[in-house]
């Protein structure tokens, strides 16, 4: 017997109660705006032991070589709060992931994958031949995502990434080639 539910039924459920579950709410990825840098700083601070200030982030958002993309839910009431963001820099034919954060409550739902894919596509469209990033060795979820997206380990930075206890840990340098 065929499943009696349809996409119309799913849409109707969302339309009646768009706040029922965050999984049911559609998300959009769009460019960050300067006035959102305080929100980006709060999200960054929650994701990393040492956050970046709103002013630091504003300088990057305003940089023509940096692309900053945000992910947020949509509802009948408009755009919701930022649930994740990624900043990438273009330098010649190379790109670099500067920072990447997804709110704790939005993790594990594919939002990070969507943000990373969007940023990699933007870099590729600008002629990038390789993308670099640095990631704390203990960040298993990020390492899994990066490896799934074709990044390989090409080096390390000892005592580079800050830990919550104030210490430092090794960061892995990863690269994805497009050649």
Foldseek 3Di string as FASTA:
>chain_A
DDDPDDVVNLVVVCQVPVVPDPLSFDKDKDFDDLVCLQVVQVQQVQFALDTDHSVVVSVQSPDPQKTKIFMFTQGPVGTDRTQWMWIKGDDPQEIETPDIGGHPVPPPNCPSVVRVVVVVVVSVVVNHFKYKYKAFPPPVVVVVSCVVVAKDFDAKDAQDGADNVRTGGMITMIMHGDD
